Amino acid sequence: MVKGKVHVFGNDVNTDEIIPARYLNRTDPAFLAAHCMEDADADFVKQAERGDIIVAGENFGCGSSREHAPIAIKAAGIGCVVARSFARIFFRNAINIGLPIVTCPEAADDARPGHEMAVDLAAGRLTNTTTGRTFTFSPFTKELQEIIAAGGLMAFVKIQVER
């Protein structure tokens, strides 16, 4: 279960807005987190708190295939990203690094800045606790839940190998 305050962004938020290219010479997650969403909202990192939720429109994470974008979001403490849709490579990169992301157009349309949400990945249920509306989405498979719980694909594989 992920619970947090909502930060709303529009359509076609690209990886350069998530983590500007001028910072890609570094891979340190804390450094990337300090610049997360900087070109989309300069105050984002000052306002975001651990567990908060990014909500966006269509095609979130479009642009380059860099893993820096979901790493920056996760390292900034964001608990989940909810969007109308995701760029395919961003979706895969997010899962690979253990960042929960949910496709739920109705919930994305319902969210407003400052609302609060609760997301149950296993049940496929998202509640806007501010409005009281509940939405459903395809729940994560057992394998995806295990990858997220492990902290990403590499951590998941390491656990499997050590068994």
N, C-alpha and C. Protein backbone atom coordinates (compact mmCIF):
# COMPACT_ATOMS: atom_id res chain seq x y z
N MET A 1 0.85 -1.18 0.00
CA MET A 1 0.00 0.00 0.00
C MET A 1 0.89 1.24 0.00
N VAL A 2 0.58 2.16 -0.91
CA VAL A 2 1.28 3.43 -0.99
C VAL A 2 0.26 4.52 -0.68
N LYS A 3 0.60 5.42 0.23
CA LYS A 3 -0.28 6.55 0.57
C LYS A 3 0.53 7.82 0.53
N GLY A 4 -0.05 8.87 -0.07
CA GLY A 4 0.67 10.13 -0.10
C GLY A 4 -0.09 11.24 -0.75
N LYS A 5 0.52 12.41 -0.68
CA LYS A 5 -0.02 13.62 -1.31
C LYS A 5 0.26 13.57 -2.81
N VAL A 6 -0.66 14.12 -3.58
CA VAL A 6 -0.57 14.09 -5.03
C VAL A 6 0.14 15.34 -5.57
N HIS A 7 1.00 15.10 -6.56
CA HIS A 7 1.65 16.16 -7.34
C HIS A 7 1.23 15.92 -8.78
N VAL A 8 0.54 16.86 -9.38
CA VAL A 8 -0.07 16.65 -10.70
C VAL A 8 0.77 17.28 -11.81
N PHE A 9 0.96 16.50 -12.87
CA PHE A 9 1.65 16.96 -14.07
C PHE A 9 0.78 16.64 -15.28
N GLY A 10 1.04 17.24 -16.41
CA GLY A 10 0.22 17.09 -17.60
C GLY A 10 0.64 15.93 -18.49
N ASN A 11 0.34 16.09 -19.76
CA ASN A 11 0.65 15.09 -20.78
C ASN A 11 2.09 15.22 -21.26
N ASP A 12 2.61 14.13 -21.77
CA ASP A 12 3.91 14.09 -22.44
C ASP A 12 5.06 14.64 -21.60
N VAL A 13 5.05 14.32 -20.31
CA VAL A 13 6.19 14.69 -19.46
C VAL A 13 7.34 13.79 -19.88
N ASN A 14 8.40 14.42 -20.40
CA ASN A 14 9.49 13.61 -20.94
C ASN A 14 10.63 13.46 -19.94
N THR A 15 11.55 12.57 -20.28
CA THR A 15 12.64 12.25 -19.36
C THR A 15 13.55 13.46 -19.10
N ASP A 16 13.62 14.39 -20.03
CA ASP A 16 14.40 15.61 -19.79
C ASP A 16 13.74 16.51 -18.76
N GLU A 17 12.42 16.46 -18.66
CA GLU A 17 11.73 17.22 -17.62
C GLU A 17 11.84 16.50 -16.28
N ILE A 18 11.87 15.20 -16.31
CA ILE A 18 11.99 14.42 -15.07
C ILE A 18 13.38 14.60 -14.47
N ILE A 19 14.41 14.45 -15.29
CA ILE A 19 15.78 14.73 -14.86
C ILE A 19 16.51 15.35 -16.05
N PRO A 20 16.76 16.66 -15.99
CA PRO A 20 17.36 17.36 -17.12
C PRO A 20 18.71 16.76 -17.55
N ALA A 21 18.94 16.78 -18.84
CA ALA A 21 20.15 16.18 -19.43
C ALA A 21 21.43 16.78 -18.86
N ARG A 22 21.39 18.00 -18.39
CA ARG A 22 22.60 18.62 -17.84
C ARG A 22 23.11 17.91 -16.59
N TYR A 23 22.29 17.05 -16.00
CA TYR A 23 22.69 16.32 -14.80
C TYR A 23 23.06 14.86 -15.07
N LEU A 24 23.06 14.46 -16.31
CA LEU A 24 23.26 13.04 -16.63
C LEU A 24 24.71 12.58 -16.57
N ASN A 25 25.61 13.49 -16.20
CA ASN A 25 27.00 13.08 -16.03
C ASN A 25 27.22 12.45 -14.65
N ARG A 26 26.15 12.38 -13.86
CA ARG A 26 26.21 11.78 -12.53
C ARG A 26 25.16 10.68 -12.44
N THR A 27 25.46 9.63 -11.67
CA THR A 27 24.50 8.54 -11.50
C THR A 27 24.07 8.36 -10.05
N ASP A 28 24.61 9.16 -9.16
CA ASP A 28 24.27 9.07 -7.74
C ASP A 28 22.78 9.38 -7.54
N PRO A 29 22.01 8.42 -7.00
CA PRO A 29 20.58 8.64 -6.83
C PRO A 29 20.23 9.89 -6.02
N ALA A 30 20.98 10.18 -4.96
CA ALA A 30 20.68 11.37 -4.15
C ALA A 30 20.87 12.65 -4.95
N PHE A 31 21.90 12.69 -5.78
CA PHE A 31 22.13 13.85 -6.64
C PHE A 31 20.98 14.00 -7.63
N LEU A 32 20.59 12.89 -8.28
CA LEU A 32 19.49 12.94 -9.24
C LEU A 32 18.20 13.37 -8.57
N ALA A 33 17.96 12.87 -7.35
CA ALA A 33 16.74 13.23 -6.61
C ALA A 33 16.65 14.72 -6.36
N ALA A 34 17.78 15.35 -6.10
CA ALA A 34 17.81 16.79 -5.82
C ALA A 34 17.37 17.62 -7.02
N HIS A 35 17.38 17.01 -8.20
CA HIS A 35 17.00 17.73 -9.43
C HIS A 35 15.76 17.13 -10.10
N CYS A 36 15.09 16.24 -9.41
CA CYS A 36 13.91 15.56 -9.96
C CYS A 36 12.81 16.56 -10.31
N MET A 37 12.29 16.45 -11.50
CA MET A 37 11.18 17.26 -12.02
C MET A 37 11.52 18.75 -12.10
N GLU A 38 12.78 19.09 -12.00
CA GLU A 38 13.22 20.48 -11.94
C GLU A 38 12.73 21.33 -13.11
N ASP A 39 12.76 20.79 -14.31
CA ASP A 39 12.34 21.58 -15.47
C ASP A 39 10.83 21.59 -15.67
N ALA A 40 10.12 20.74 -14.98
CA ALA A 40 8.65 20.74 -15.03
C ALA A 40 8.06 21.57 -13.89
N ASP A 41 8.72 21.54 -12.73
CA ASP A 41 8.26 22.28 -11.55
C ASP A 41 9.48 22.52 -10.67
N ALA A 42 10.01 23.72 -10.71
CA ALA A 42 11.24 24.06 -9.98
C ALA A 42 11.12 23.83 -8.47
N ASP A 43 9.91 23.87 -7.93
CA ASP A 43 9.71 23.70 -6.49
C ASP A 43 9.37 22.27 -6.08
N PHE A 44 9.32 21.36 -7.03
CA PHE A 44 8.88 20.00 -6.74
C PHE A 44 9.65 19.37 -5.58
N VAL A 45 10.97 19.37 -5.64
CA VAL A 45 11.74 18.68 -4.59
C VAL A 45 11.59 19.36 -3.23
N LYS A 46 11.26 20.63 -3.22
CA LYS A 46 11.04 21.32 -1.94
C LYS A 46 9.70 20.94 -1.33
N GLN A 47 8.73 20.58 -2.19
CA GLN A 47 7.37 20.28 -1.73
C GLN A 47 7.11 18.79 -1.53
N ALA A 48 7.83 17.96 -2.26
CA ALA A 48 7.57 16.51 -2.21
C ALA A 48 8.07 15.92 -0.89
N GLU A 49 7.29 14.98 -0.39
CA GLU A 49 7.65 14.27 0.83
C GLU A 49 7.68 12.77 0.54
N ARG A 50 8.43 12.04 1.34
CA ARG A 50 8.55 10.59 1.16
C ARG A 50 7.15 9.97 1.12
N GLY A 51 6.91 9.15 0.10
CA GLY A 51 5.64 8.47 -0.05
C GLY A 51 4.63 9.19 -0.94
N ASP A 52 4.94 10.44 -1.31
CA ASP A 52 4.02 11.18 -2.17
C ASP A 52 3.86 10.47 -3.52
N ILE A 53 2.85 10.91 -4.27
CA ILE A 53 2.48 10.26 -5.52
C ILE A 53 2.46 11.29 -6.65
N ILE A 54 3.15 10.98 -7.72
CA ILE A 54 3.07 11.79 -8.94
C ILE A 54 1.90 11.27 -9.75
N VAL A 55 1.06 12.19 -10.22
CA VAL A 55 -0.06 11.84 -11.09
C VAL A 55 0.10 12.66 -12.37
N ALA A 56 -0.04 11.98 -13.51
CA ALA A 56 0.19 12.66 -14.78
C ALA A 56 -0.81 12.20 -15.83
N GLY A 57 -0.76 12.87 -16.97
CA GLY A 57 -1.65 12.56 -18.08
C GLY A 57 -1.10 11.45 -18.96
N GLU A 58 -1.19 11.66 -20.25
CA GLU A 58 -0.77 10.67 -21.24
C GLU A 58 0.75 10.66 -21.42
N ASN A 59 1.29 9.48 -21.72
CA ASN A 59 2.65 9.31 -22.22
C ASN A 59 3.72 9.80 -21.24
N PHE A 60 3.52 9.55 -19.95
CA PHE A 60 4.50 9.97 -18.97
C PHE A 60 5.81 9.22 -19.19
N GLY A 61 6.93 9.93 -19.17
CA GLY A 61 8.23 9.31 -19.33
C GLY A 61 8.68 9.13 -20.76
N CYS A 62 8.06 9.86 -21.68
CA CYS A 62 8.46 9.75 -23.08
C CYS A 62 9.86 10.37 -23.25
N GLY A 63 10.46 10.12 -24.38
CA GLY A 63 11.79 10.67 -24.64
C GLY A 63 12.82 9.58 -24.65
N SER A 64 13.95 9.85 -24.04
CA SER A 64 15.06 8.91 -24.09
C SER A 64 14.80 7.70 -23.20
N SER A 65 15.63 6.70 -23.38
CA SER A 65 15.46 5.45 -22.62
C SER A 65 16.27 5.43 -21.34
N ARG A 66 16.79 6.57 -20.92
CA ARG A 66 17.65 6.61 -19.74
C ARG A 66 16.95 6.14 -18.47
N GLU A 67 17.66 5.37 -17.67
CA GLU A 67 17.12 4.92 -16.38
C GLU A 67 17.20 6.02 -15.33
N HIS A 68 17.93 7.08 -15.61
CA HIS A 68 18.08 8.17 -14.65
C HIS A 68 16.72 8.73 -14.22
N ALA A 69 15.75 8.74 -15.13
CA ALA A 69 14.44 9.36 -14.82
C ALA A 69 13.71 8.61 -13.70
N PRO A 70 13.45 7.31 -13.81
CA PRO A 70 12.79 6.65 -12.69
C PRO A 70 13.66 6.58 -11.44
N ILE A 71 14.98 6.53 -11.60
CA ILE A 71 15.87 6.54 -10.43
C ILE A 71 15.70 7.85 -9.67
N ALA A 72 15.65 8.97 -10.38
CA ALA A 72 15.48 10.28 -9.74
C ALA A 72 14.16 10.34 -8.98
N ILE A 73 13.09 9.83 -9.58
CA ILE A 73 11.77 9.84 -8.94
C ILE A 73 11.79 8.98 -7.67
N LYS A 74 12.30 7.78 -7.79
CA LYS A 74 12.35 6.88 -6.63
C LYS A 74 13.23 7.46 -5.53
N ALA A 75 14.40 7.98 -5.90
CA ALA A 75 15.32 8.52 -4.91
C ALA A 75 14.77 9.78 -4.24
N ALA A 76 13.87 10.49 -4.93
CA ALA A 76 13.22 11.66 -4.34
C ALA A 76 12.16 11.26 -3.31
N GLY A 77 11.92 9.95 -3.17
CA GLY A 77 10.99 9.46 -2.17
C GLY A 77 9.57 9.26 -2.66
N ILE A 78 9.35 9.44 -3.95
CA ILE A 78 8.01 9.25 -4.50
C ILE A 78 7.64 7.78 -4.37
N GLY A 79 6.45 7.52 -3.82
CA GLY A 79 6.02 6.16 -3.56
C GLY A 79 5.40 5.46 -4.75
N CYS A 80 4.89 6.25 -5.71
CA CYS A 80 4.19 5.66 -6.85
C CYS A 80 3.95 6.76 -7.89
N VAL A 81 3.88 6.35 -9.14
CA VAL A 81 3.46 7.26 -10.21
C VAL A 81 2.20 6.69 -10.82
N VAL A 82 1.18 7.53 -10.94
CA VAL A 82 -0.10 7.17 -11.55
C VAL A 82 -0.26 8.04 -12.78
N ALA A 83 -0.63 7.44 -13.91
CA ALA A 83 -0.79 8.23 -15.13
C ALA A 83 -1.88 7.63 -16.01
N ARG A 84 -2.34 8.46 -16.95
CA ARG A 84 -3.28 7.96 -17.96
C ARG A 84 -2.59 6.90 -18.81
N SER A 85 -1.30 7.14 -19.13
CA SER A 85 -0.49 6.16 -19.86
C SER A 85 0.98 6.50 -19.68
N PHE A 86 1.83 5.50 -19.94
CA PHE A 86 3.27 5.65 -19.80
C PHE A 86 3.96 5.32 -21.12
N ALA A 87 5.09 5.97 -21.36
CA ALA A 87 5.95 5.54 -22.45
C ALA A 87 6.44 4.14 -22.08
N ARG A 88 6.46 3.25 -23.04
CA ARG A 88 6.77 1.84 -22.77
C ARG A 88 8.14 1.64 -22.11
N ILE A 89 9.17 2.31 -22.61
CA ILE A 89 10.51 2.11 -22.05
C ILE A 89 10.57 2.66 -20.62
N PHE A 90 9.86 3.75 -20.34
CA PHE A 90 9.83 4.28 -18.97
C PHE A 90 9.16 3.26 -18.05
N PHE A 91 8.07 2.67 -18.51
CA PHE A 91 7.36 1.68 -17.70
C PHE A 91 8.31 0.56 -17.30
N ARG A 92 9.04 0.02 -18.27
CA ARG A 92 9.96 -1.09 -18.00
C ARG A 92 11.11 -0.66 -17.10
N ASN A 93 11.67 0.53 -17.35
CA ASN A 93 12.75 1.03 -16.51
C ASN A 93 12.29 1.24 -15.07
N ALA A 94 11.07 1.73 -14.90
CA ALA A 94 10.53 1.94 -13.55
C ALA A 94 10.43 0.62 -12.80
N ILE A 95 9.89 -0.38 -13.44
CA ILE A 95 9.78 -1.69 -12.79
C ILE A 95 11.18 -2.23 -12.50
N ASN A 96 12.10 -2.07 -13.44
CA ASN A 96 13.46 -2.59 -13.26
C ASN A 96 14.17 -2.00 -12.05
N ILE A 97 13.83 -0.75 -11.68
CA ILE A 97 14.48 -0.15 -10.52
C ILE A 97 13.59 -0.17 -9.28
N GLY A 98 12.41 -0.77 -9.40
CA GLY A 98 11.54 -0.93 -8.24
C GLY A 98 10.64 0.25 -7.93
N LEU A 99 10.29 1.03 -8.94
CA LEU A 99 9.38 2.16 -8.75
C LEU A 99 7.98 1.73 -9.18
N PRO A 100 7.02 1.69 -8.26
CA PRO A 100 5.66 1.31 -8.63
C PRO A 100 5.01 2.37 -9.54
N ILE A 101 4.43 1.91 -10.63
CA ILE A 101 3.70 2.80 -11.53
C ILE A 101 2.38 2.16 -11.91
N VAL A 102 1.36 2.99 -12.02
CA VAL A 102 0.00 2.50 -12.23
C VAL A 102 -0.65 3.27 -13.38
N THR A 103 -1.20 2.53 -14.32
CA THR A 103 -1.98 3.13 -15.40
C THR A 103 -3.44 3.13 -14.97
N CYS A 104 -3.98 4.32 -14.75
CA CYS A 104 -5.38 4.45 -14.32
C CYS A 104 -5.90 5.81 -14.77
N PRO A 105 -6.40 5.90 -16.01
CA PRO A 105 -6.84 7.18 -16.55
C PRO A 105 -7.88 7.90 -15.68
N GLU A 106 -8.83 7.16 -15.14
CA GLU A 106 -9.89 7.79 -14.35
C GLU A 106 -9.33 8.44 -13.08
N ALA A 107 -8.41 7.78 -12.43
CA ALA A 107 -7.80 8.34 -11.22
C ALA A 107 -6.94 9.55 -11.57
N ALA A 108 -6.23 9.48 -12.69
CA ALA A 108 -5.41 10.61 -13.12
C ALA A 108 -6.29 11.83 -13.40
N ASP A 109 -7.43 11.61 -14.02
CA ASP A 109 -8.34 12.71 -14.32
C ASP A 109 -8.97 13.30 -13.06
N ASP A 110 -9.13 12.48 -12.03
CA ASP A 110 -9.78 12.90 -10.79
C ASP A 110 -8.84 13.69 -9.87
N ALA A 111 -7.55 13.47 -9.99
CA ALA A 111 -6.59 14.04 -9.04
C ALA A 111 -6.36 15.53 -9.25
N ARG A 112 -6.19 16.21 -8.15
CA ARG A 112 -5.84 17.63 -8.14
C ARG A 112 -4.65 17.82 -7.21
N PRO A 113 -3.84 18.86 -7.44
CA PRO A 113 -2.70 19.09 -6.54
C PRO A 113 -3.16 19.15 -5.08
N GLY A 114 -2.43 18.46 -4.22
CA GLY A 114 -2.74 18.47 -2.80
C GLY A 114 -3.70 17.39 -2.35
N HIS A 115 -4.42 16.76 -3.31
CA HIS A 115 -5.25 15.62 -2.93
C HIS A 115 -4.34 14.55 -2.33
N GLU A 116 -4.96 13.61 -1.64
CA GLU A 116 -4.21 12.47 -1.13
C GLU A 116 -4.78 11.20 -1.73
N MET A 117 -3.90 10.23 -1.98
CA MET A 117 -4.30 8.96 -2.57
C MET A 117 -3.73 7.81 -1.78
N ALA A 118 -4.40 6.67 -1.91
CA ALA A 118 -3.91 5.40 -1.37
C ALA A 118 -3.98 4.40 -2.52
N VAL A 119 -2.87 3.72 -2.78
CA VAL A 119 -2.78 2.79 -3.90
C VAL A 119 -2.45 1.40 -3.37
N ASP A 120 -3.31 0.44 -3.69
CA ASP A 120 -3.08 -0.95 -3.32
C ASP A 120 -2.71 -1.70 -4.59
N LEU A 121 -1.41 -1.92 -4.78
CA LEU A 121 -0.92 -2.55 -6.01
C LEU A 121 -1.41 -3.97 -6.17
N ALA A 122 -1.47 -4.71 -5.07
CA ALA A 122 -1.88 -6.11 -5.12
C ALA A 122 -3.35 -6.26 -5.46
N ALA A 123 -4.18 -5.37 -4.93
CA ALA A 123 -5.63 -5.46 -5.16
C ALA A 123 -6.06 -4.75 -6.44
N GLY A 124 -5.19 -3.88 -6.97
CA GLY A 124 -5.58 -3.11 -8.15
C GLY A 124 -6.62 -2.07 -7.83
N ARG A 125 -6.42 -1.41 -6.68
CA ARG A 125 -7.40 -0.41 -6.23
C ARG A 125 -6.68 0.87 -5.83
N LEU A 126 -7.21 1.99 -6.26
CA LEU A 126 -6.65 3.29 -5.95
C LEU A 126 -7.79 4.15 -5.40
N THR A 127 -7.58 4.78 -4.26
CA THR A 127 -8.60 5.63 -3.66
C THR A 127 -8.06 7.04 -3.53
N ASN A 128 -8.80 8.00 -4.08
CA ASN A 128 -8.51 9.40 -3.83
C ASN A 128 -9.16 9.69 -2.49
N THR A 129 -8.36 9.71 -1.44
CA THR A 129 -8.93 9.85 -0.09
C THR A 129 -9.48 11.23 0.15
N THR A 130 -9.14 12.19 -0.69
CA THR A 130 -9.69 13.54 -0.58
C THR A 130 -11.12 13.58 -1.10
N THR A 131 -11.36 12.93 -2.24
CA THR A 131 -12.70 12.95 -2.84
C THR A 131 -13.54 11.75 -2.42
N GLY A 132 -12.86 10.71 -1.94
CA GLY A 132 -13.57 9.48 -1.56
C GLY A 132 -13.84 8.55 -2.73
N ARG A 133 -13.39 8.90 -3.91
CA ARG A 133 -13.61 8.05 -5.08
C ARG A 133 -12.57 6.94 -5.15
N THR A 134 -13.03 5.75 -5.54
CA THR A 134 -12.15 4.60 -5.69
C THR A 134 -12.15 4.15 -7.14
N PHE A 135 -10.98 3.78 -7.62
CA PHE A 135 -10.80 3.36 -9.01
C PHE A 135 -10.08 2.02 -9.02
N THR A 136 -10.28 1.27 -10.09
CA THR A 136 -9.59 -0.01 -10.22
C THR A 136 -8.64 0.02 -11.41
N PHE A 137 -7.63 -0.79 -11.31
CA PHE A 137 -6.66 -0.97 -12.40
C PHE A 137 -6.21 -2.42 -12.35
N SER A 138 -5.56 -2.86 -13.39
CA SER A 138 -5.07 -4.24 -13.39
C SER A 138 -4.02 -4.39 -12.30
N PRO A 139 -4.27 -5.29 -11.35
CA PRO A 139 -3.30 -5.45 -10.26
C PRO A 139 -1.97 -5.97 -10.80
N PHE A 140 -0.90 -5.64 -10.09
CA PHE A 140 0.40 -6.15 -10.46
C PHE A 140 0.41 -7.66 -10.30
N THR A 141 1.07 -8.33 -11.22
CA THR A 141 1.23 -9.78 -11.09
C THR A 141 2.08 -10.07 -9.86
N LYS A 142 2.05 -11.30 -9.42
CA LYS A 142 2.87 -11.71 -8.28
C LYS A 142 4.34 -11.40 -8.54
N GLU A 143 4.80 -11.68 -9.76
CA GLU A 143 6.20 -11.45 -10.11
C GLU A 143 6.55 -9.96 -10.05
N LEU A 144 5.68 -9.10 -10.58
CA LEU A 144 5.96 -7.66 -10.53
C LEU A 144 5.95 -7.16 -9.09
N GLN A 145 5.03 -7.68 -8.28
CA GLN A 145 5.01 -7.30 -6.87
C GLN A 145 6.32 -7.70 -6.18
N GLU A 146 6.83 -8.87 -6.52
CA GLU A 146 8.08 -9.35 -5.92
C GLU A 146 9.27 -8.50 -6.38
N ILE A 147 9.28 -8.10 -7.64
CA ILE A 147 10.35 -7.23 -8.15
C ILE A 147 10.32 -5.89 -7.43
N ILE A 148 9.14 -5.29 -7.31
CA ILE A 148 8.99 -4.00 -6.61
C ILE A 148 9.42 -4.16 -5.15
N ALA A 149 8.93 -5.20 -4.49
CA ALA A 149 9.26 -5.42 -3.06
C ALA A 149 10.75 -5.62 -2.85
N ALA A 150 11.42 -6.24 -3.81
CA ALA A 150 12.85 -6.49 -3.70
C ALA A 150 13.66 -5.22 -3.92
N GLY A 151 13.05 -4.21 -4.52
CA GLY A 151 13.76 -2.96 -4.82
C GLY A 151 14.22 -2.86 -6.25
N GLY A 152 13.75 -3.76 -7.10
CA GLY A 152 14.10 -3.72 -8.51
C GLY A 152 14.50 -5.08 -9.03
N LEU A 153 14.69 -5.15 -10.33
CA LEU A 153 14.96 -6.42 -11.00
C LEU A 153 16.28 -7.05 -10.56
N MET A 154 17.34 -6.27 -10.46
CA MET A 154 18.63 -6.83 -10.08
C MET A 154 18.59 -7.39 -8.66
N ALA A 155 17.95 -6.68 -7.75
CA ALA A 155 17.82 -7.17 -6.38
C ALA A 155 16.97 -8.44 -6.34
N PHE A 156 15.91 -8.47 -7.15
CA PHE A 156 15.04 -9.64 -7.25
C PHE A 156 15.84 -10.86 -7.74
N VAL A 157 16.62 -10.68 -8.79
CA VAL A 157 17.41 -11.78 -9.34
C VAL A 157 18.42 -12.26 -8.31
N LYS A 158 19.04 -11.35 -7.61
CA LYS A 158 20.01 -11.74 -6.57
C LYS A 158 19.33 -12.61 -5.50
N ILE A 159 18.14 -12.24 -5.09
CA ILE A 159 17.39 -13.04 -4.11
C ILE A 159 17.10 -14.43 -4.67
N GLN A 160 16.71 -14.50 -5.94
CA GLN A 160 16.39 -15.78 -6.56
C GLN A 160 17.64 -16.66 -6.66
N VAL A 161 18.76 -16.09 -6.98
CA VAL A 161 19.99 -16.85 -7.12
C VAL A 161 20.45 -17.38 -5.77
N GLU A 162 20.25 -16.60 -4.72
CA GLU A 162 20.69 -16.99 -3.38
C GLU A 162 19.81 -18.05 -2.75
N ARG A 163 18.65 -18.32 -3.30
CA ARG A 163 17.74 -19.32 -2.74
C ARG A 163 18.22 -20.71 -2.96
